[in-house]
Amino acid sequence: MITPKHVLKNKRKQRIRKTIRKKISGTSERPRLIVFRSNKYLYAQVYDDNISKVLAQVSTLEKEINSQLKSLKNREAAKIMGKVMADRLKKIKIKSVVFDRNVYDFKGRVKHFADSVRENGIKF
């Protein structure tokens, strides 16, 4: 029997996700910064694995960010999101995080988001 392509693709993503999650974990001192991207939007959240709680989150769907992004491309939007995330982390006094790129390669929107967070004072 032939397996459909989308099933194979999902299994591959699950395998990559498991491999990455074996290596990294968020703590109270260094929570995990998780990135998720769809074709149109970008989402990020800071998660503490010890207490299973989301500490901060940002999305291109938020009103304050979305109003700035109307005429921008995805990479510039990721940079603005990174700045907003860094500001939110500073408010809750988090100075360093563990970056979880999920199943995505470290390029494009994911890279621009991560670089923007670093430029605004968060270490990882």
PDB file of N, CA and C in Angstrom:
ATOM      1  N   MET A   1       0.837  -1.187   0.000  1.00  0.00           N
ATOM      2  CA  MET A   1       0.000   0.000   0.000  1.00  0.00           C
ATOM      3  C   MET A   1       0.878   1.246   0.000  1.00  0.00           C
ATOM      4  N   ILE A   2       0.488   2.221  -0.766  1.00  0.00           N
ATOM      5  CA  ILE A   2       1.249   3.465  -0.883  1.00  0.00           C
ATOM      6  C   ILE A   2       0.751   4.456   0.164  1.00  0.00           C
ATOM      7  N   THR A   3       1.693   5.034   0.915  1.00  0.00           N
ATOM      8  CA  THR A   3       1.354   6.021   1.929  1.00  0.00           C
ATOM      9  C   THR A   3       1.277   7.406   1.286  1.00  0.00           C
ATOM     10  N   PRO A   4       0.227   8.165   1.583  1.00  0.00           N
ATOM     11  CA  PRO A   4       0.119   9.510   1.013  1.00  0.00           C
ATOM     12  C   PRO A   4       1.268  10.416   1.474  1.00  0.00           C
ATOM     13  N   LYS A   5       1.602  11.393   0.641  1.00  0.00           N
ATOM     14  CA  LYS A   5       2.729  12.280   0.929  1.00  0.00           C
ATOM     15  C   LYS A   5       2.543  13.067   2.216  1.00  0.00           C
ATOM     16  N   HIS A   6       1.333  13.532   2.480  1.00  0.00           N
ATOM     17  CA  HIS A   6       1.137  14.349   3.680  1.00  0.00           C
ATOM     18  C   HIS A   6       1.344  13.533   4.952  1.00  0.00           C
ATOM     19  N   VAL A   7       1.072  12.249   4.918  1.00  0.00           N
ATOM     20  CA  VAL A   7       1.303  11.396   6.084  1.00  0.00           C
ATOM     21  C   VAL A   7       2.802  11.251   6.330  1.00  0.00           C
ATOM     22  N   LEU A   8       3.557  11.031   5.266  1.00  0.00           N
ATOM     23  CA  LEU A   8       5.007  10.920   5.389  1.00  0.00           C
ATOM     24  C   LEU A   8       5.617  12.222   5.891  1.00  0.00           C
ATOM     25  N   LYS A   9       5.098  13.338   5.401  1.00  0.00           N
ATOM     26  CA  LYS A   9       5.603  14.644   5.801  1.00  0.00           C
ATOM     27  C   LYS A   9       5.343  14.894   7.285  1.00  0.00           C
ATOM     28  N   ASN A  10       4.155  14.532   7.755  1.00  0.00           N
ATOM     29  CA  ASN A  10       3.822  14.708   9.166  1.00  0.00           C
ATOM     30  C   ASN A  10       4.676  13.813  10.056  1.00  0.00           C
ATOM     31  N   LYS A  11       4.935  12.590   9.639  1.00  0.00           N
ATOM     32  CA  LYS A  11       5.788  11.694  10.427  1.00  0.00           C
ATOM     33  C   LYS A  11       7.203  12.237  10.520  1.00  0.00           C
ATOM     34  N   ARG A  12       7.703  12.785   9.409  1.00  0.00           N
ATOM     35  CA  ARG A  12       9.033  13.380   9.392  1.00  0.00           C
ATOM     36  C   ARG A  12       9.104  14.565  10.360  1.00  0.00           C
ATOM     37  N   LYS A  13       8.067  15.421  10.353  1.00  0.00           N
ATOM     38  CA  LYS A  13       8.025  16.564  11.261  1.00  0.00           C
ATOM     39  C   LYS A  13       7.987  16.111  12.716  1.00  0.00           C
ATOM     40  N   GLN A  14       7.219  15.079  13.013  1.00  0.00           N
ATOM     41  CA  GLN A  14       7.147  14.567  14.378  1.00  0.00           C
ATOM     42  C   GLN A  14       8.501  14.039  14.838  1.00  0.00           C
ATOM     43  N   ARG A  15       9.216  13.366  13.935  1.00  0.00           N
ATOM     44  CA  ARG A  15      10.536  12.835  14.266  1.00  0.00           C
ATOM     45  C   ARG A  15      11.521  13.978  14.552  1.00  0.00           C
ATOM     46  N   ILE A  16      11.500  15.004  13.735  1.00  0.00           N
ATOM     47  CA  ILE A  16      12.377  16.154  13.944  1.00  0.00           C
ATOM     48  C   ILE A  16      12.040  16.841  15.260  1.00  0.00           C
ATOM     49  N   ARG A  17      10.743  17.028  15.525  1.00  0.00           N
ATOM     50  CA  ARG A  17      10.302  17.694  16.755  1.00  0.00           C
ATOM     51  C   ARG A  17      10.774  16.920  17.992  1.00  0.00           C
ATOM     52  N   LYS A  18      10.661  15.589  17.968  1.00  0.00           N
ATOM     53  CA  LYS A  18      11.113  14.768  19.088  1.00  0.00           C
ATOM     54  C   LYS A  18      12.615  14.891  19.301  1.00  0.00           C
ATOM     55  N   THR A  19      13.367  14.899  18.213  1.00  0.00           N
ATOM     56  CA  THR A  19      14.819  15.014  18.306  1.00  0.00           C
ATOM     57  C   THR A  19      15.227  16.332  18.948  1.00  0.00           C
ATOM     58  N   ILE A  20      14.586  17.402  18.545  1.00  0.00           N
ATOM     59  CA  ILE A  20      14.901  18.716  19.098  1.00  0.00           C
ATOM     60  C   ILE A  20      14.499  18.784  20.563  1.00  0.00           C
ATOM     61  N   ARG A  21      13.325  18.262  20.903  1.00  0.00           N
ATOM     62  CA  ARG A  21      12.837  18.345  22.282  1.00  0.00           C
ATOM     63  C   ARG A  21      13.632  17.475  23.244  1.00  0.00           C
ATOM     64  N   LYS A  22      14.342  16.457  22.743  1.00  0.00           N
ATOM     65  CA  LYS A  22      15.222  15.679  23.609  1.00  0.00           C
ATOM     66  C   LYS A  22      16.375  16.524  24.102  1.00  0.00           C
ATOM     67  N   LYS A  23      16.815  17.454  23.273  1.00  0.00           N
ATOM     68  CA  LYS A  23      18.012  18.230  23.559  1.00  0.00           C
ATOM     69  C   LYS A  23      17.744  19.481  24.387  1.00  0.00           C
ATOM     70  N   ILE A  24      16.556  20.065  24.275  1.00  0.00           N
ATOM     71  CA  ILE A  24      16.302  21.334  24.959  1.00  0.00           C
ATOM     72  C   ILE A  24      15.110  21.224  25.890  1.00  0.00           C
ATOM     73  N   SER A  25      15.147  22.036  26.938  1.00  0.00           N
ATOM     74  CA  SER A  25      14.059  22.103  27.885  1.00  0.00           C
ATOM     75  C   SER A  25      14.088  23.467  28.551  1.00  0.00           C
ATOM     76  N   GLY A  26      12.928  24.028  28.827  1.00  0.00           N
ATOM     77  CA  GLY A  26      12.859  25.334  29.458  1.00  0.00           C
ATOM     78  C   GLY A  26      12.772  25.217  30.968  1.00  0.00           C
ATOM     79  N   THR A  27      13.473  26.088  31.657  1.00  0.00           N
ATOM     80  CA  THR A  27      13.439  26.133  33.117  1.00  0.00           C
ATOM     81  C   THR A  27      12.939  27.509  33.555  1.00  0.00           C
ATOM     82  N   SER A  28      12.860  27.728  34.854  1.00  0.00           N
ATOM     83  CA  SER A  28      12.425  29.027  35.348  1.00  0.00           C
ATOM     84  C   SER A  28      13.445  30.110  35.019  1.00  0.00           C
ATOM     85  N   GLU A  29      14.736  29.748  35.061  1.00  0.00           N
ATOM     86  CA  GLU A  29      15.787  30.719  34.752  1.00  0.00           C
ATOM     87  C   GLU A  29      15.885  30.968  33.248  1.00  0.00           C
ATOM     88  N   ARG A  30      15.761  29.894  32.446  1.00  0.00           N
ATOM     89  CA  ARG A  30      15.842  29.991  30.990  1.00  0.00           C
ATOM     90  C   ARG A  30      14.657  29.267  30.361  1.00  0.00           C
ATOM     91  N   PRO A  31      13.530  29.955  30.217  1.00  0.00           N
ATOM     92  CA  PRO A  31      12.380  29.312  29.590  1.00  0.00           C
ATOM     93  C   PRO A  31      12.607  29.092  28.093  1.00  0.00           C
ATOM     94  N   ARG A  32      11.748  28.316  27.502  1.00  0.00           N
ATOM     95  CA  ARG A  32      11.870  27.949  26.091  1.00  0.00           C
ATOM     96  C   ARG A  32      11.074  28.927  25.233  1.00  0.00           C
ATOM     97  N   LEU A  33      11.725  29.511  24.222  1.00  0.00           N
ATOM     98  CA  LEU A  33      11.083  30.403  23.263  1.00  0.00           C
ATOM     99  C   LEU A  33      10.723  29.583  22.031  1.00  0.00           C
ATOM    100  N   ILE A  34       9.430  29.320  21.853  1.00  0.00           N
ATOM    101  CA  ILE A  34       8.950  28.434  20.796  1.00  0.00           C
ATOM    102  C   ILE A  34       8.413  29.277  19.636  1.00  0.00           C
ATOM    103  N   VAL A  35       8.783  28.903  18.426  1.00  0.00           N
ATOM    104  CA  VAL A  35       8.309  29.602  17.231  1.00  0.00           C
ATOM    105  C   VAL A  35       7.436  28.654  16.415  1.00  0.00           C
ATOM    106  N   PHE A  36       6.318  29.169  15.949  1.00  0.00           N
ATOM    107  CA  PHE A  36       5.467  28.437  15.021  1.00  0.00           C
ATOM    108  C   PHE A  36       5.153  29.373  13.868  1.00  0.00           C
ATOM    109  N   ARG A  37       5.235  28.851  12.660  1.00  0.00           N
ATOM    110  CA  ARG A  37       4.889  29.689  11.518  1.00  0.00           C
ATOM    111  C   ARG A  37       3.911  28.943  10.620  1.00  0.00           C
ATOM    112  N   SER A  38       2.987  29.697  10.089  1.00  0.00           N
ATOM    113  CA  SER A  38       2.102  29.175   9.059  1.00  0.00           C
ATOM    114  C   SER A  38       2.490  29.878   7.766  1.00  0.00           C
ATOM    115  N   ASN A  39       1.760  29.638   6.709  1.00  0.00           N
ATOM    116  CA  ASN A  39       2.083  30.311   5.462  1.00  0.00           C
ATOM    117  C   ASN A  39       1.894  31.819   5.564  1.00  0.00           C
ATOM    118  N   LYS A  40       0.978  32.237   6.406  1.00  0.00           N
ATOM    119  CA  LYS A  40       0.618  33.651   6.475  1.00  0.00           C
ATOM    120  C   LYS A  40       1.054  34.341   7.759  1.00  0.00           C
ATOM    121  N   TYR A  41       1.072  33.637   8.883  1.00  0.00           N
ATOM    122  CA  TYR A  41       1.310  34.250  10.182  1.00  0.00           C
ATOM    123  C   TYR A  41       2.498  33.627  10.891  1.00  0.00           C
ATOM    124  N   LEU A  42       2.954  34.330  11.930  1.00  0.00           N
ATOM    125  CA  LEU A  42       4.052  33.860  12.764  1.00  0.00           C
ATOM    126  C   LEU A  42       3.611  33.999  14.218  1.00  0.00           C
ATOM    127  N   TYR A  43       3.888  32.982  15.011  1.00  0.00           N
ATOM    128  CA  TYR A  43       3.513  32.978  16.418  1.00  0.00           C
ATOM    129  C   TYR A  43       4.747  32.616  17.239  1.00  0.00           C
ATOM    130  N   ALA A  44       4.853  33.160  18.448  1.00  0.00           N
ATOM    131  CA  ALA A  44       5.940  32.793  19.345  1.00  0.00           C
ATOM    132  C   ALA A  44       5.425  32.843  20.776  1.00  0.00           C
ATOM    133  N   GLN A  45       5.936  31.944  21.590  1.00  0.00           N
ATOM    134  CA  GLN A  45       5.569  31.952  23.003  1.00  0.00           C
ATOM    135  C   GLN A  45       6.758  31.518  23.840  1.00  0.00           C
ATOM    136  N   VAL A  46       6.791  32.004  25.064  1.00  0.00           N
ATOM    137  CA  VAL A  46       7.829  31.621  26.015  1.00  0.00           C
ATOM    138  C   VAL A  46       7.171  30.698  27.026  1.00  0.00           C
ATOM    139  N   TYR A  47       7.743  29.510  27.174  1.00  0.00           N
ATOM    140  CA  TYR A  47       7.113  28.442  27.944  1.00  0.00           C
ATOM    141  C   TYR A  47       8.082  27.912  28.995  1.00  0.00           C
ATOM    142  N   ASP A  48       7.607  27.802  30.226  1.00  0.00           N
ATOM    143  CA  ASP A  48       8.385  27.204  31.308  1.00  0.00           C
ATOM    144  C   ASP A  48       7.935  25.751  31.456  1.00  0.00           C
ATOM    145  N   ASP A  49       8.836  24.811  31.130  1.00  0.00           N
ATOM    146  CA  ASP A  49       8.482  23.392  31.164  1.00  0.00           C
ATOM    147  C   ASP A  49       8.318  22.857  32.581  1.00  0.00           C
ATOM    148  N   ASN A  50       8.961  23.484  33.565  1.00  0.00           N
ATOM    149  CA  ASN A  50       8.856  22.996  34.941  1.00  0.00           C
ATOM    150  C   ASN A  50       7.450  23.168  35.502  1.00  0.00           C
ATOM    151  N   ILE A  51       6.845  24.303  35.235  1.00  0.00           N
ATOM    152  CA  ILE A  51       5.506  24.563  35.771  1.00  0.00           C
ATOM    153  C   ILE A  51       4.421  24.459  34.696  1.00  0.00           C
ATOM    154  N   SER A  52       4.802  24.111  33.475  1.00  0.00           N
ATOM    155  CA  SER A  52       3.880  23.952  32.343  1.00  0.00           C
ATOM    156  C   SER A  52       3.001  25.193  32.162  1.00  0.00           C
ATOM    157  N   LYS A  53       3.665  26.320  31.962  1.00  0.00           N
ATOM    158  CA  LYS A  53       2.936  27.571  31.860  1.00  0.00           C
ATOM    159  C   LYS A  53       3.554  28.459  30.786  1.00  0.00           C
ATOM    160  N   VAL A  54       2.694  29.130  30.018  1.00  0.00           N
ATOM    161  CA  VAL A  54       3.135  30.110  29.035  1.00  0.00           C
ATOM    162  C   VAL A  54       3.354  31.430  29.766  1.00  0.00           C
ATOM    163  N   LEU A  55       4.563  31.985  29.644  1.00  0.00           N
ATOM    164  CA  LEU A  55       4.904  33.211  30.345  1.00  0.00           C
ATOM    165  C   LEU A  55       4.647  34.456  29.503  1.00  0.00           C
ATOM    166  N   ALA A  56       4.871  34.356  28.198  1.00  0.00           N
ATOM    167  CA  ALA A  56       4.636  35.483  27.290  1.00  0.00           C
ATOM    168  C   ALA A  56       4.366  34.927  25.899  1.00  0.00           C
ATOM    169  N   GLN A  57       3.648  35.703  25.108  1.00  0.00           N
ATOM    170  CA  GLN A  57       3.379  35.265  23.752  1.00  0.00           C
ATOM    171  C   GLN A  57       3.211  36.482  22.855  1.00  0.00           C
ATOM    172  N   VAL A  58       3.451  36.264  21.573  1.00  0.00           N
ATOM    173  CA  VAL A  58       3.294  37.319  20.580  1.00  0.00           C
ATOM    174  C   VAL A  58       2.887  36.671  19.261  1.00  0.00           C
ATOM    175  N   SER A  59       2.107  37.407  18.480  1.00  0.00           N
ATOM    176  CA  SER A  59       1.607  36.876  17.223  1.00  0.00           C
ATOM    177  C   SER A  59       1.421  38.015  16.229  1.00  0.00           C
ATOM    178  N   THR A  60       1.507  37.704  14.957  1.00  0.00           N
ATOM    179  CA  THR A  60       1.246  38.721  13.947  1.00  0.00           C
ATOM    180  C   THR A  60      -0.239  39.041  13.844  1.00  0.00           C
ATOM    181  N   LEU A  61      -1.069  38.310  14.549  1.00  0.00           N
ATOM    182  CA  LEU A  61      -2.510  38.569  14.548  1.00  0.00           C
ATOM    183  C   LEU A  61      -2.930  39.613  15.587  1.00  0.00           C
ATOM    184  N   GLU A  62      -2.051  39.957  16.521  1.00  0.00           N
ATOM    185  CA  GLU A  62      -2.400  40.922  17.563  1.00  0.00           C
ATOM    186  C   GLU A  62      -2.631  42.301  16.951  1.00  0.00           C
ATOM    187  N   LYS A  63      -3.592  43.035  17.497  1.00  0.00           N
ATOM    188  CA  LYS A  63      -3.976  44.320  16.926  1.00  0.00           C
ATOM    189  C   LYS A  63      -2.824  45.319  16.914  1.00  0.00           C
ATOM    190  N   GLU A  64      -2.091  45.422  18.017  1.00  0.00           N
ATOM    191  CA  GLU A  64      -1.013  46.413  18.093  1.00  0.00           C
ATOM    192  C   GLU A  64       0.111  46.120  17.105  1.00  0.00           C
ATOM    193  N   ILE A  65       0.346  44.869  16.827  1.00  0.00           N
ATOM    194  CA  ILE A  65       1.397  44.493  15.884  1.00  0.00           C
ATOM    195  C   ILE A  65       0.858  44.503  14.457  1.00  0.00           C
ATOM    196  N   ASN A  66      -0.336  43.998  14.273  1.00  0.00           N
ATOM    197  CA  ASN A  66      -0.926  43.871  12.939  1.00  0.00           C
ATOM    198  C   ASN A  66      -1.099  45.228  12.263  1.00  0.00           C
ATOM    199  N   SER A  67      -1.378  46.276  13.038  1.00  0.00           N
ATOM    200  CA  SER A  67      -1.535  47.601  12.445  1.00  0.00           C
ATOM    201  C   SER A  67      -0.220  48.106  11.853  1.00  0.00           C
ATOM    202  N   GLN A  68       0.925  47.699  12.412  1.00  0.00           N
ATOM    203  CA  GLN A  68       2.230  48.097  11.900  1.00  0.00           C
ATOM    204  C   GLN A  68       2.647  47.271  10.691  1.00  0.00           C
ATOM    205  N   LEU A  69       2.049  46.107  10.510  1.00  0.00           N
ATOM    206  CA  LEU A  69       2.514  45.149   9.520  1.00  0.00           C
ATOM    207  C   LEU A  69       1.782  45.188   8.182  1.00  0.00           C
ATOM    208  N   LYS A  70       0.815  46.046   8.023  1.00  0.00           N
ATOM    209  CA  LYS A  70      -0.031  46.012   6.828  1.00  0.00           C
ATOM    210  C   LYS A  70       0.774  46.028   5.531  1.00  0.00           C
ATOM    211  N   SER A  71       1.779  46.902   5.443  1.00  0.00           N
ATOM    212  CA  SER A  71       2.507  47.050   4.182  1.00  0.00           C
ATOM    213  C   SER A  71       3.880  46.393   4.200  1.00  0.00           C
ATOM    214  N   LEU A  72       4.182  45.637   5.243  1.00  0.00           N
ATOM    215  CA  LEU A  72       5.498  45.031   5.353  1.00  0.00           C
ATOM    216  C   LEU A  72       5.508  43.591   4.853  1.00  0.00           C
ATOM    217  N   LYS A  73       6.689  43.130   4.506  1.00  0.00           N
ATOM    218  CA  LYS A  73       6.848  41.738   4.119  1.00  0.00           C
ATOM    219  C   LYS A  73       7.024  40.888   5.363  1.00  0.00           C
ATOM    220  N   ASN A  74       7.008  39.566   5.198  1.00  0.00           N
ATOM    221  CA  ASN A  74       7.050  38.656   6.334  1.00  0.00           C
ATOM    222  C   ASN A  74       8.311  38.796   7.168  1.00  0.00           C
ATOM    223  N   ARG A  75       9.463  39.010   6.538  1.00  0.00           N
ATOM    224  CA  ARG A  75      10.711  39.107   7.293  1.00  0.00           C
ATOM    225  C   ARG A  75      10.756  40.363   8.152  1.00  0.00           C
ATOM    226  N   GLU A  76      10.271  41.480   7.616  1.00  0.00           N
ATOM    227  CA  GLU A  76      10.227  42.712   8.410  1.00  0.00           C
ATOM    228  C   GLU A  76       9.229  42.564   9.557  1.00  0.00           C
ATOM    229  N   ALA A  77       8.135  41.864   9.301  1.00  0.00           N
ATOM    230  CA  ALA A  77       7.144  41.602  10.348  1.00  0.00           C
ATOM    231  C   ALA A  77       7.766  40.759  11.458  1.00  0.00           C
ATOM    232  N   ALA A  78       8.595  39.803  11.093  1.00  0.00           N
ATOM    233  CA  ALA A  78       9.267  38.963  12.088  1.00  0.00           C
ATOM    234  C   ALA A  78      10.208  39.796  12.943  1.00  0.00           C
ATOM    235  N   LYS A  79      10.874  40.774  12.340  1.00  0.00           N
ATOM    236  CA  LYS A  79      11.771  41.652  13.104  1.00  0.00           C
ATOM    237  C   LYS A  79      10.991  42.474  14.125  1.00  0.00           C
ATOM    238  N   ILE A  80       9.850  43.013  13.721  1.00  0.00           N
ATOM    239  CA  ILE A  80       9.019  43.790  14.646  1.00  0.00           C
ATOM    240  C   ILE A  80       8.505  42.895  15.767  1.00  0.00           C
ATOM    241  N   MET A  81       8.097  41.680  15.411  1.00  0.00           N
ATOM    242  CA  MET A  81       7.639  40.729  16.427  1.00  0.00           C
ATOM    243  C   MET A  81       8.737  40.410  17.428  1.00  0.00           C
ATOM    244  N   GLY A  82       9.971  40.256  16.947  1.00  0.00           N
ATOM    245  CA  GLY A  82      11.094  39.985  17.827  1.00  0.00           C
ATOM    246  C   GLY A  82      11.327  41.101  18.822  1.00  0.00           C
ATOM    247  N   LYS A  83      11.183  42.334  18.370  1.00  0.00           N
ATOM    248  CA  LYS A  83      11.350  43.479  19.264  1.00  0.00           C
ATOM    249  C   LYS A  83      10.262  43.492  20.330  1.00  0.00           C
ATOM    250  N   VAL A  84       9.029  43.230  19.922  1.00  0.00           N
ATOM    251  CA  VAL A  84       7.907  43.202  20.873  1.00  0.00           C
ATOM    252  C   VAL A  84       8.109  42.079  21.885  1.00  0.00           C
ATOM    253  N   MET A  85       8.547  40.904  21.423  1.00  0.00           N
ATOM    254  CA  MET A  85       8.784  39.780  22.339  1.00  0.00           C
ATOM    255  C   MET A  85       9.882  40.116  23.339  1.00  0.00           C
ATOM    256  N   ALA A  86      10.959  40.742  22.869  1.00  0.00           N
ATOM    257  CA  ALA A  86      12.049  41.122  23.778  1.00  0.00           C
ATOM    258  C   ALA A  86      11.553  42.109  24.830  1.00  0.00           C
ATOM    259  N   ASP A  87      10.721  43.063  24.441  1.00  0.00           N
ATOM    260  CA  ASP A  87      10.168  44.022  25.398  1.00  0.00           C
ATOM    261  C   ASP A  87       9.300  43.326  26.446  1.00  0.00           C
ATOM    262  N   ARG A  88       8.503  42.357  25.999  1.00  0.00           N
ATOM    263  CA  ARG A  88       7.640  41.627  26.943  1.00  0.00           C
ATOM    264  C   ARG A  88       8.463  40.779  27.901  1.00  0.00           C
ATOM    265  N   LEU A  89       9.562  40.205  27.408  1.00  0.00           N
ATOM    266  CA  LEU A  89      10.416  39.408  28.280  1.00  0.00           C
ATOM    267  C   LEU A  89      11.128  40.289  29.297  1.00  0.00           C
ATOM    268  N   LYS A  90      11.526  41.477  28.894  1.00  0.00           N
ATOM    269  CA  LYS A  90      12.175  42.400  29.834  1.00  0.00           C
ATOM    270  C   LYS A  90      11.209  42.812  30.941  1.00  0.00           C
ATOM    271  N   LYS A  91       9.923  42.971  30.596  1.00  0.00           N
ATOM    272  CA  LYS A  91       8.922  43.348  31.598  1.00  0.00           C
ATOM    273  C   LYS A  91       8.779  42.287  32.679  1.00  0.00           C
ATOM    274  N   ILE A  92       8.901  41.016  32.292  1.00  0.00           N
ATOM    275  CA  ILE A  92       8.771  39.944  33.292  1.00  0.00           C
ATOM    276  C   ILE A  92      10.137  39.473  33.786  1.00  0.00           C
ATOM    277  N   LYS A  93      11.176  40.276  33.489  1.00  0.00           N
ATOM    278  CA  LYS A  93      12.538  40.098  34.011  1.00  0.00           C
ATOM    279  C   LYS A  93      13.185  38.780  33.589  1.00  0.00           C
ATOM    280  N   ILE A  94      13.025  38.431  32.325  1.00  0.00           N
ATOM    281  CA  ILE A  94      13.715  37.270  31.763  1.00  0.00           C
ATOM    282  C   ILE A  94      14.801  37.789  30.836  1.00  0.00           C
ATOM    283  N   LYS A  95      16.049  37.361  31.095  1.00  0.00           N
ATOM    284  CA  LYS A  95      17.179  37.873  30.325  1.00  0.00           C
ATOM    285  C   LYS A  95      17.732  36.866  29.329  1.00  0.00           C
ATOM    286  N   SER A  96      17.449  35.583  29.536  1.00  0.00           N
ATOM    287  CA  SER A  96      17.941  34.568  28.602  1.00  0.00           C
ATOM    288  C   SER A  96      16.897  33.470  28.429  1.00  0.00           C
ATOM    289  N   VAL A  97      16.861  32.913  27.228  1.00  0.00           N
ATOM    290  CA  VAL A  97      15.904  31.864  26.892  1.00  0.00           C
ATOM    291  C   VAL A  97      16.613  30.774  26.104  1.00  0.00           C
ATOM    292  N   VAL A  98      15.927  29.643  25.945  1.00  0.00           N
ATOM    293  CA  VAL A  98      16.376  28.561  25.072  1.00  0.00           C
ATOM    294  C   VAL A  98      15.499  28.636  23.829  1.00  0.00           C
ATOM    295  N   PHE A  99      16.117  28.720  22.654  1.00  0.00           N
ATOM    296  CA  PHE A  99      15.351  28.912  21.422  1.00  0.00           C
ATOM    297  C   PHE A  99      14.940  27.567  20.850  1.00  0.00           C
ATOM    298  N   ASP A 100      13.640  27.387  20.641  1.00  0.00           N
ATOM    299  CA  ASP A 100      13.078  26.173  20.055  1.00  0.00           C
ATOM    300  C   ASP A 100      12.517  26.539  18.689  1.00  0.00           C
ATOM    301  N   ARG A 101      13.227  26.163  17.643  1.00  0.00           N
ATOM    302  CA  ARG A 101      12.819  26.529  16.289  1.00  0.00           C
ATOM    303  C   ARG A 101      11.734  25.603  15.762  1.00  0.00           C
ATOM    304  N   ASN A 102      11.348  24.628  16.551  1.00  0.00           N
ATOM    305  CA  ASN A 102      10.339  23.650  16.167  1.00  0.00           C
ATOM    306  C   ASN A 102      10.876  22.816  15.009  1.00  0.00           C
ATOM    307  N   VAL A 103      10.127  22.562  13.970  1.00  0.00           N
ATOM    308  CA  VAL A 103      10.607  21.743  12.858  1.00  0.00           C
ATOM    309  C   VAL A 103      11.162  22.590  11.721  1.00  0.00           C
ATOM    310  N   TYR A 104      11.244  23.896  11.924  1.00  0.00           N
ATOM    311  CA  TYR A 104      11.612  24.810  10.854  1.00  0.00           C
ATOM    312  C   TYR A 104      13.122  25.020  10.802  1.00  0.00           C
ATOM    313  N   ASP A 105      13.645  25.174   9.596  1.00  0.00           N
ATOM    314  CA  ASP A 105      15.051  25.498   9.430  1.00  0.00           C
ATOM    315  C   ASP A 105      15.292  26.903   9.971  1.00  0.00           C
ATOM    316  N   PHE A 106      16.525  27.135  10.412  1.00  0.00           N
ATOM    317  CA  PHE A 106      16.883  28.437  10.974  1.00  0.00           C
ATOM    318  C   PHE A 106      17.243  29.378   9.823  1.00  0.00           C
ATOM    319  N   LYS A 107      16.227  29.830   9.119  1.00  0.00           N
ATOM    320  CA  LYS A 107      16.407  30.770   8.020  1.00  0.00           C
ATOM    321  C   LYS A 107      15.093  31.499   7.804  1.00  0.00           C
ATOM    322  N   GLY A 108      15.120  32.545   7.026  1.00  0.00           N
ATOM    323  CA  GLY A 108      13.911  33.284   6.707  1.00  0.00           C
ATOM    324  C   GLY A 108      13.299  33.962   7.911  1.00  0.00           C
ATOM    325  N   ARG A 109      11.975  33.812   8.057  1.00  0.00           N
ATOM    326  CA  ARG A 109      11.247  34.481   9.136  1.00  0.00           C
ATOM    327  C   ARG A 109      11.724  34.057  10.512  1.00  0.00           C
ATOM    328  N   VAL A 110      12.041  32.781  10.672  1.00  0.00           N
ATOM    329  CA  VAL A 110      12.481  32.280  11.970  1.00  0.00           C
ATOM    330  C   VAL A 110      13.813  32.934  12.359  1.00  0.00           C
ATOM    331  N   LYS A 111      14.739  33.018  11.430  1.00  0.00           N
ATOM    332  CA  LYS A 111      16.046  33.621  11.693  1.00  0.00           C
ATOM    333  C   LYS A 111      15.915  35.113  11.991  1.00  0.00           C
ATOM    334  N   HIS A 112      15.116  35.824  11.215  1.00  0.00           N
ATOM    335  CA  HIS A 112      14.945  37.255  11.440  1.00  0.00           C
ATOM    336  C   HIS A 112      14.285  37.522  12.793  1.00  0.00           C
ATOM    337  N   PHE A 113      13.345  36.679  13.189  1.00  0.00           N
ATOM    338  CA  PHE A 113      12.724  36.819  14.505  1.00  0.00           C
ATOM    339  C   PHE A 113      13.759  36.612  15.605  1.00  0.00           C
ATOM    340  N   ALA A 114      14.541  35.541  15.502  1.00  0.00           N
ATOM    341  CA  ALA A 114      15.546  35.234  16.521  1.00  0.00           C
ATOM    342  C   ALA A 114      16.602  36.335  16.600  1.00  0.00           C
ATOM    343  N   ASP A 115      17.066  36.821  15.462  1.00  0.00           N
ATOM    344  CA  ASP A 115      18.070  37.880  15.461  1.00  0.00           C
ATOM    345  C   ASP A 115      17.537  39.159  16.088  1.00  0.00           C
ATOM    346  N   SER A 116      16.285  39.473  15.841  1.00  0.00           N
ATOM    347  CA  SER A 116      15.678  40.662  16.422  1.00  0.00           C
ATOM    348  C   SER A 116      15.561  40.547  17.940  1.00  0.00           C
ATOM    349  N   VAL A 117      15.221  39.364  18.426  1.00  0.00           N
ATOM    350  CA  VAL A 117      15.143  39.158  19.873  1.00  0.00           C
ATOM    351  C   VAL A 117      16.530  39.333  20.487  1.00  0.00           C
ATOM    352  N   ARG A 118      17.552  38.793  19.842  1.00  0.00           N
ATOM    353  CA  ARG A 118      18.925  38.938  20.332  1.00  0.00           C
ATOM    354  C   ARG A 118      19.378  40.389  20.332  1.00  0.00           C
ATOM    355  N   GLU A 119      19.082  41.103  19.255  1.00  0.00           N
ATOM    356  CA  GLU A 119      19.490  42.504  19.147  1.00  0.00           C
ATOM    357  C   GLU A 119      18.868  43.368  20.236  1.00  0.00           C
ATOM    358  N   ASN A 120      17.714  42.973  20.727  1.00  0.00           N
ATOM    359  CA  ASN A 120      17.023  43.750  21.755  1.00  0.00           C
ATOM    360  C   ASN A 120      17.328  43.277  23.170  1.00  0.00           C
ATOM    361  N   GLY A 121      18.400  42.508  23.337  1.00  0.00           N
ATOM    362  CA  GLY A 121      18.918  42.248  24.674  1.00  0.00           C
ATOM    363  C   GLY A 121      18.608  40.916  25.319  1.00  0.00           C
ATOM    364  N   ILE A 122      17.985  39.992  24.626  1.00  0.00           N
ATOM    365  CA  ILE A 122      17.707  38.663  25.191  1.00  0.00           C
ATOM    366  C   ILE A 122      18.768  37.699  24.697  1.00  0.00           C
ATOM    367  N   LYS A 123      19.349  36.921  25.611  1.00  0.00           N
ATOM    368  CA  LYS A 123      20.424  35.986  25.239  1.00  0.00           C
ATOM    369  C   LYS A 123      19.886  34.578  25.044  1.00  0.00           C
ATOM    370  N   PHE A 124      20.433  33.909  24.021  1.00  0.00           N
ATOM    371  CA  PHE A 124      20.200  32.474  23.823  1.00  0.00           C
ATOM    372  C   PHE A 124      21.225  31.921  22.881  1.00  0.00           C
TER     373      PHE A 124
END
